[in-house]
Amino acid sequence: MRQKLLLLSAVFFGILAFVLTFHQIKLEKEKALGAARNVVLIRVTRDLSADDVLKESDLVPQRTKRFITNLSKDIPWSKKKSIVGRKLSMFVQKGAFLSWYDLEQASRGSSGLRSLVRTGYRAISISVDATSSVTGLIQPGDNVDIIGTFRFPGMKGDKSFDTLTLTILQRVNVLATGTNTGRMPSSITGAPVRARGYGTVTLELSPKEVEMIVFASQKGRLTLSLRNFEESQIEDKLQSVNFKYLEGNLDKYNQERKEKMKRRTKKYYNSGN
């Protein structure tokens, strides 16, 4: 009888130990997943061989989770434009995430900013501060709109000055912020370079756009507006805003925001959240 009790006790404590261990593993797993970040990385759409040149059609975005320690080797979707045209150093299977180690390192002849500028475009830097650069959060690979604010004599011939704000260019590619081009660091560990403050942003523009932006930067203040990385739409119906326009349209703006909030709230509840 005693042996049976000992055997039952051993089985009971064995099961208890298994349950507790399983529960502890589950807690640690949930804790680890909670520490992971939601990121958007790059997947390849076909099998790619070494020396293949990356095309836009080869790349698609994919949302996933990554730990901070693994982010250094992964290429975020925001860096897509900076890697299009780069050669691969090894075979990459269809559906795989693309990493910095898959890319052939640029030779001395093609290194630097010039290798990032597409044919038919030019690189130009404009001065920015914390306000005009979205508190310094704009990064290489982002798309921005350029908004200009100018003062000029009144249109009716009087000598008083009026202030006008308007969007000059939309969906402009950012090549660099300061001296940071967003490329993988040369260190063996691949540790990301810590972001520093910057006073200039380098943009990719056509030659005609360069002339316009240089003139605008001399005559007024330029501000950058950051876009969502998935948004490529060019707005057609934009306005030039002065004090008179602002005063006459405040009610309309607030009504539009009210209607958008209603639609957003309705969509949220209809989704079952």
Protein backbone atom coordinates (compact mmCIF):
# COMPACT_ATOMS: atom_id res chain seq x y z
CA MET A 1 0.00 0.00 0.00
CA ARG A 2 2.83 2.34 0.88
CA GLN A 3 4.57 1.64 -2.41
CA LYS A 4 1.38 2.50 -4.29
CA LEU A 5 1.09 5.81 -2.44
CA LEU A 6 4.71 6.62 -3.22
CA LEU A 7 4.13 5.76 -6.89
CA LEU A 8 0.97 7.91 -7.04
CA SER A 9 2.80 10.75 -5.32
CA ALA A 10 5.63 10.53 -7.83
CA VAL A 11 3.18 10.57 -10.75
CA PHE A 12 1.27 13.50 -9.23
CA PHE A 13 4.39 15.61 -8.64
CA GLY A 14 5.68 14.67 -12.11
CA ILE A 15 2.48 15.92 -13.71
CA LEU A 16 2.54 19.04 -11.51
CA ALA A 17 6.14 19.77 -12.52
CA PHE A 18 5.22 19.34 -16.21
CA VAL A 19 2.23 21.70 -15.88
CA LEU A 20 4.27 24.34 -14.05
CA THR A 21 7.12 24.09 -16.57
CA PHE A 22 4.70 24.37 -19.51
CA HIS A 23 3.05 27.39 -17.88
CA GLN A 24 6.42 29.06 -17.26
CA ILE A 25 7.49 28.47 -20.89
CA LYS A 26 4.20 29.95 -22.09
CA LEU A 27 4.69 33.05 -19.90
CA GLU A 28 8.25 33.54 -21.13
CA LYS A 29 7.11 33.16 -24.74
CA GLU A 30 4.33 35.73 -24.28
CA LYS A 31 6.79 38.06 -22.56
CA ALA A 32 9.26 37.72 -25.43
CA LEU A 33 6.61 38.30 -28.09
CA GLY A 34 5.45 41.37 -26.22
CA ALA A 35 8.99 42.77 -26.46
CA ALA A 36 9.11 42.28 -30.23
CA ARG A 37 8.41 45.22 -32.54
CA ASN A 38 5.93 45.38 -35.38
CA VAL A 39 7.94 46.17 -38.51
CA VAL A 40 7.46 46.17 -42.28
CA LEU A 41 10.24 44.27 -44.05
CA ILE A 42 10.96 43.32 -47.67
CA ARG A 43 10.09 39.95 -49.22
CA VAL A 44 11.28 38.87 -52.67
CA THR A 45 8.69 37.83 -55.25
CA ARG A 46 10.86 35.32 -57.14
CA ASP A 47 14.02 33.26 -56.85
CA LEU A 48 17.03 35.53 -57.25
CA SER A 49 20.58 34.48 -58.04
CA ALA A 50 23.91 36.04 -57.13
CA ASP A 51 24.69 39.06 -59.37
CA ASP A 52 20.99 39.62 -60.13
CA VAL A 53 20.07 43.32 -60.04
CA LEU A 54 17.10 44.12 -57.80
CA LYS A 55 14.02 45.60 -59.48
CA GLU A 56 10.97 47.17 -57.85
CA SER A 57 8.83 44.26 -59.11
CA ASP A 58 11.06 41.85 -57.13
CA LEU A 59 10.11 43.43 -53.80
CA VAL A 60 6.91 43.49 -51.73
CA PRO A 61 6.24 44.72 -48.17
CA GLN A 62 5.47 42.27 -45.37
CA ARG A 63 4.39 43.11 -41.81
CA THR A 64 5.98 40.94 -39.15
CA LYS A 65 7.52 40.99 -35.66
CA ARG A 66 11.23 41.32 -34.95
CA PHE A 67 13.29 41.61 -31.79
CA ILE A 68 15.50 44.68 -31.53
CA THR A 69 18.62 42.48 -31.67
CA ASN A 70 17.58 41.10 -35.10
CA LEU A 71 16.68 44.42 -36.73
CA SER A 72 20.25 45.25 -37.77
CA LYS A 73 20.35 42.64 -40.55
CA ASP A 74 16.81 43.12 -41.90
CA ILE A 75 16.05 45.70 -44.60
CA PRO A 76 12.96 47.79 -43.74
CA TRP A 77 10.48 48.59 -46.51
CA SER A 78 11.27 52.29 -46.10
CA LYS A 79 14.74 51.58 -47.59
CA LYS A 80 13.32 50.01 -50.77
CA LYS A 81 14.34 52.84 -53.09
CA SER A 82 17.91 52.82 -51.82
CA ILE A 83 18.41 49.12 -52.73
CA VAL A 84 16.65 49.00 -56.12
CA GLY A 85 19.42 48.59 -58.69
CA ARG A 86 21.80 46.89 -56.20
CA LYS A 87 23.31 43.49 -57.00
CA LEU A 88 22.84 40.41 -54.86
CA SER A 89 25.82 38.59 -53.40
CA MET A 90 24.04 35.24 -52.98
CA PHE A 91 20.96 33.22 -53.94
CA VAL A 92 17.71 34.38 -52.29
CA GLN A 93 14.67 32.10 -52.40
CA LYS A 94 11.22 33.37 -53.38
CA GLY A 95 9.26 34.56 -50.33
CA ALA A 96 12.35 35.11 -48.16
CA PHE A 97 12.98 38.30 -46.25
CA LEU A 98 15.78 40.34 -47.79
CA SER A 99 18.72 41.21 -45.52
CA TRP A 100 21.66 43.57 -45.85
CA TYR A 101 23.97 40.55 -46.05
CA ASP A 102 22.26 39.45 -49.29
CA LEU A 103 23.46 42.59 -51.09
CA GLU A 104 26.76 42.97 -52.85
CA GLN A 105 28.85 45.63 -51.16
CA ALA A 106 29.30 48.75 -53.27
CA SER A 107 32.73 49.17 -54.84
CA ARG A 108 34.74 52.33 -54.31
CA GLY A 109 33.80 53.55 -57.79
CA SER A 110 30.07 53.40 -57.11
CA SER A 111 30.01 54.30 -53.43
CA GLY A 112 28.70 57.51 -51.96
CA LEU A 113 25.53 59.42 -52.59
CA ARG A 114 25.85 59.41 -56.39
CA SER A 115 25.08 55.68 -56.51
CA LEU A 116 21.68 56.36 -54.90
CA VAL A 117 20.57 59.01 -57.42
CA ARG A 118 18.47 57.59 -60.24
CA THR A 119 19.24 58.41 -63.86
CA GLY A 120 17.52 61.64 -64.90
CA TYR A 121 17.39 63.00 -61.36
CA ARG A 122 19.61 65.20 -59.20
CA ALA A 123 20.42 65.37 -55.50
CA ILE A 124 19.92 68.70 -53.75
CA SER A 125 20.11 69.62 -50.07
CA ILE A 126 17.88 72.12 -48.29
CA SER A 127 18.27 73.56 -44.82
CA VAL A 128 15.84 72.32 -42.15
CA ASP A 129 15.23 72.76 -38.46
CA ALA A 130 13.24 70.74 -35.92
CA THR A 131 9.93 72.16 -37.14
CA SER A 132 10.47 71.88 -40.88
CA SER A 133 11.83 68.30 -40.60
CA VAL A 134 8.97 66.86 -38.46
CA THR A 135 11.08 67.15 -35.28
CA GLY A 136 14.00 65.48 -37.04
CA LEU A 137 12.04 62.25 -37.56
CA ILE A 138 12.36 62.22 -41.36
CA GLN A 139 14.73 59.44 -42.47
CA PRO A 140 16.46 58.41 -45.71
CA GLY A 141 14.02 56.53 -47.93
CA ASP A 142 10.97 58.49 -46.72
CA ASN A 143 8.63 60.32 -49.08
CA VAL A 144 7.73 63.92 -48.29
CA ASP A 145 5.76 66.85 -49.65
CA ILE A 146 7.48 70.24 -49.89
CA ILE A 147 5.43 73.19 -48.64
CA GLY A 148 6.58 76.77 -49.16
CA THR A 149 5.62 79.94 -47.27
CA PHE A 150 6.35 83.29 -48.94
CA ARG A 151 5.74 87.01 -48.41
CA PHE A 152 5.02 89.20 -51.43
CA PRO A 153 3.32 92.53 -52.24
CA GLY A 154 -0.48 92.45 -52.32
CA MET A 155 -2.06 91.37 -55.61
CA LYS A 156 -4.16 94.56 -55.84
CA GLY A 157 -1.15 96.79 -56.34
CA ASP A 158 -0.80 98.11 -52.80
CA LYS A 159 2.52 98.04 -50.99
CA SER A 160 1.39 95.90 -48.07
CA PHE A 161 2.84 92.40 -47.87
CA ASP A 162 0.75 89.25 -47.81
CA THR A 163 1.83 85.77 -46.67
CA LEU A 164 1.03 82.75 -48.85
CA THR A 165 1.51 79.03 -48.13
CA LEU A 166 1.19 76.33 -50.79
CA THR A 167 2.39 72.82 -51.63
CA ILE A 168 5.18 73.01 -54.20
CA LEU A 169 6.01 69.33 -54.83
CA GLN A 170 4.50 66.04 -53.67
CA ARG A 171 5.97 62.57 -53.02
CA VAL A 172 9.63 63.56 -53.09
CA ASN A 173 12.20 60.89 -52.20
CA VAL A 174 14.58 61.65 -49.31
CA LEU A 175 18.11 60.46 -50.13
CA ALA A 176 19.85 61.56 -46.94
CA THR A 177 19.43 63.44 -43.68
CA GLY A 178 22.65 65.25 -42.88
CA THR A 179 25.34 62.75 -43.91
CA ASN A 180 23.18 59.70 -43.18
CA THR A 181 22.14 57.90 -46.38
CA GLY A 182 20.52 54.99 -44.54
CA ARG A 183 22.98 52.43 -45.85
CA MET A 184 24.18 49.49 -43.83
CA PRO A 185 27.16 50.40 -41.65
CA SER A 186 30.55 48.94 -42.57
CA SER A 187 31.07 47.25 -39.20
CA ILE A 188 31.18 43.47 -39.17
CA THR A 189 28.51 43.26 -36.50
CA GLY A 190 26.04 45.20 -38.66
CA ALA A 191 24.98 47.26 -35.67
CA PRO A 192 22.77 50.17 -36.76
CA VAL A 193 24.31 53.63 -36.65
CA ARG A 194 22.69 55.76 -33.97
CA ALA A 195 20.68 58.59 -35.50
CA ARG A 196 22.10 62.07 -35.02
CA GLY A 197 20.61 65.49 -35.37
CA TYR A 198 20.85 67.08 -38.79
CA GLY A 199 20.45 70.52 -40.34
CA THR A 200 19.96 69.51 -43.99
CA VAL A 201 17.84 67.04 -45.94
CA THR A 202 18.95 65.81 -49.38
CA LEU A 203 16.13 65.31 -51.90
CA GLU A 204 15.95 63.55 -55.28
CA LEU A 205 14.49 65.93 -57.89
CA SER A 206 14.38 66.42 -61.64
CA PRO A 207 16.60 69.23 -63.03
CA LYS A 208 13.57 71.52 -63.49
CA GLU A 209 12.39 70.82 -59.96
CA VAL A 210 15.87 71.64 -58.65
CA GLU A 211 15.67 75.12 -60.19
CA MET A 212 12.27 75.73 -58.64
CA ILE A 213 13.28 74.53 -55.16
CA VAL A 214 16.51 76.56 -55.18
CA PHE A 215 14.54 79.70 -56.05
CA ALA A 216 11.82 78.92 -53.49
CA SER A 217 14.40 78.32 -50.73
CA GLN A 218 15.89 81.76 -51.39
CA LYS A 219 12.54 83.56 -51.35
CA GLY A 220 10.72 81.87 -48.48
CA ARG A 221 10.61 79.09 -45.92
CA LEU A 222 10.33 75.42 -46.93
CA THR A 223 8.67 72.82 -44.70
CA LEU A 224 8.60 69.05 -45.24
CA SER A 225 5.44 67.03 -44.65
CA LEU A 226 6.01 63.29 -44.04
CA ARG A 227 3.92 60.73 -45.96
CA ASN A 228 2.90 57.19 -45.05
CA PHE A 229 5.31 54.76 -46.74
CA GLU A 230 2.43 53.07 -48.61
CA GLU A 231 0.83 56.27 -49.95
CA SER A 232 1.71 57.22 -53.53
CA GLN A 233 -1.32 59.38 -54.41
CA ILE A 234 -0.76 62.87 -55.80
CA GLU A 235 -3.45 65.32 -54.66
CA ASP A 236 -4.85 67.42 -57.50
CA LYS A 237 -7.09 69.84 -55.62
CA LEU A 238 -4.82 71.83 -53.33
CA GLN A 239 -5.19 75.48 -52.32
CA SER A 240 -2.92 78.44 -51.77
CA VAL A 241 -3.54 79.66 -48.22
CA ASN A 242 -3.32 83.27 -47.07
CA PHE A 243 -4.98 84.93 -44.10
CA LYS A 244 -8.16 85.79 -46.00
CA TYR A 245 -8.54 82.22 -47.31
CA LEU A 246 -7.90 80.75 -43.86
CA GLU A 247 -10.43 83.05 -42.21
CA GLY A 248 -13.09 82.20 -44.79
CA ASN A 249 -12.60 78.43 -44.67
CA LEU A 250 -12.10 77.59 -40.99
CA ASP A 251 -15.70 76.44 -40.57
CA LYS A 252 -15.45 74.23 -43.67
CA TYR A 253 -12.21 72.62 -42.44
CA ASN A 254 -13.67 71.82 -39.04
CA GLN A 255 -16.85 70.41 -40.59
CA GLU A 256 -14.76 68.15 -42.85
CA ARG A 257 -12.82 66.88 -39.84
CA LYS A 258 -16.07 66.25 -37.98
CA GLU A 259 -17.44 64.16 -40.87
CA LYS A 260 -14.17 62.18 -41.13
CA MET A 261 -14.27 61.41 -37.41
CA LYS A 262 -17.87 60.18 -37.73
CA ARG A 263 -16.94 57.87 -40.62
CA ARG A 264 -13.88 56.60 -38.77
CA THR A 265 -15.88 55.88 -35.60
CA LYS A 266 -18.61 54.13 -37.61
CA LYS A 267 -16.04 52.01 -39.42
CA TYR A 268 -14.39 51.09 -36.11
CA TYR A 269 -17.61 49.83 -34.53
CA ASN A 270 -18.73 48.05 -37.70
CA SER A 271 -15.46 46.12 -37.72
CA GLY A 272 -16.48 44.49 -34.43
CA ASN A 273 -13.70 46.00 -32.27
